[in-house]
Amino acid sequence: VRLQGDMVLQNGENIVKVELGFPFYKTFRISAAGWTRARVGWEGDSISISNSIEIGVQLPSVPGLTQIMQYFIKTYGAESTEQCTSALALAADQTTQAEGELEVQETPDKETFTQEASGTMDGGDRDDEGDQERETTMETEETRDGDSTEPGEEEGADSEQESDASEWQDPPNPPVPGLDESNLVVRCDIDPKTAEAPVTREVGCARLMSRTGGEILATMAQDGWEVIPVDIAKGLFELALPSVRYEVPGGTVVSIPAPRFMTTVYDSNQRTDDMDERLIGDLVLTNGEDILKVEVGFPFYKTFSVSAAGWARSRVGSKDGLVSISNFVEIGMQVPKFPGLTPIMQFFVRSYGNDSTQQCATGLAKGADQLTSDDSV
């Protein structure tokens, strides 16, 4: 046993509503008083919670009502204990930042602190940002670029393409309105997701990568995705993704309508450890106000609207004849103070980032099949 928690009911007056069916058709309001002692611990790799519950209720004299309330209390106790166990197990998964995938910055009362993650998206090109990420973006990029020119100079004949890659400079991080006002910021690196063009395979992938960055992005305009040109000369597009609904362990549902992103495309044309990178796309969320609907299930039954601000940097290319995409995601949210909500949102951001990245790769692969040697998108 790791800890013991004593919980005393505070709002018990008329808290229980009992609706009896046939043959009584009566509705009662019942007051309750009580407490529970929870013991929390673990056994092996499993979270363990037990409860001792004592509840007193003021019952009217109705046949069978005593047995009904006994059944209710026992069932409610068992289900709420299971829900608490699931919530703690979910939080435990988020506590261990495996391979640096997830970084969380929680800012209660606007006083920021950061939990640093050790992993990076580009196999080392993306240097430590930490607390100075927003303030020193340009300086960080200049330092990285200076370091990256040396390997290309040393490798000589074997590295003409890699030398070209060393000359590429990643663009500075885009401005993200509202990110500074967030009380929870989640950053995660999404490992490369791949997909094969179902019909044209390697030929289709190569043909797709020979197009301009805007043409490559436009191939995703299918299956509920929208790609709207804003300023093609500047590589500006508006990208809309399909609405989503996630069921999170513990009985919580997180849903969002179609998120819209102002997207800037850069032709990078560099080789990395992960892929032959063709382009970089910076996506900035534009419709984040109250975009997240969070429905917390048993035993709380609460619904929240959560505003979000954020961006993602996508790297699009090919590897072994497959379309390949990786992502760095930074999402800030205005999360209400509610037990367990922080790990729920962390889980959602990571799940949504992985799923949407795979959907992008699949969408591009399907689009590759629609290209011919003479056509553009």
Foldseek 3Di string as FASTA:
>chain_A
DPDKDKAWDDPQFLPDWDADDPPPRDIDRKGKTWMKMKDWDDDDLFTDIDMDIDMDIDDDDDPPVVVVVVVVVVVQRVLVRVLVRQLVNLVVVVVDCPQQFKWKWAQVVLNTDTDHGDHDQQRPLQDDPHPPVVPCQVVSQVVSLVVQQVVQVPPPPVDPQQNLLSNFTDDGADDWPPQSVFRMKMKGKFHKAWDAQPPCFLVLQVLLLVDDQLLLQCLLPDDQKHWADDDVVQQWIKIWDAKDWDQDGSGKIKTFHTWIWTKHKDQNQHDGPRFRWGIKIKTWTDPFFLGIWMAHDPPPGDIDRKGKTWMKIKTWHDDPRITMIIIIIMMGIHDDDDPSVVSVVNVVVVVVRNVVSNSSRHSSSNSSVVDDNPDTD
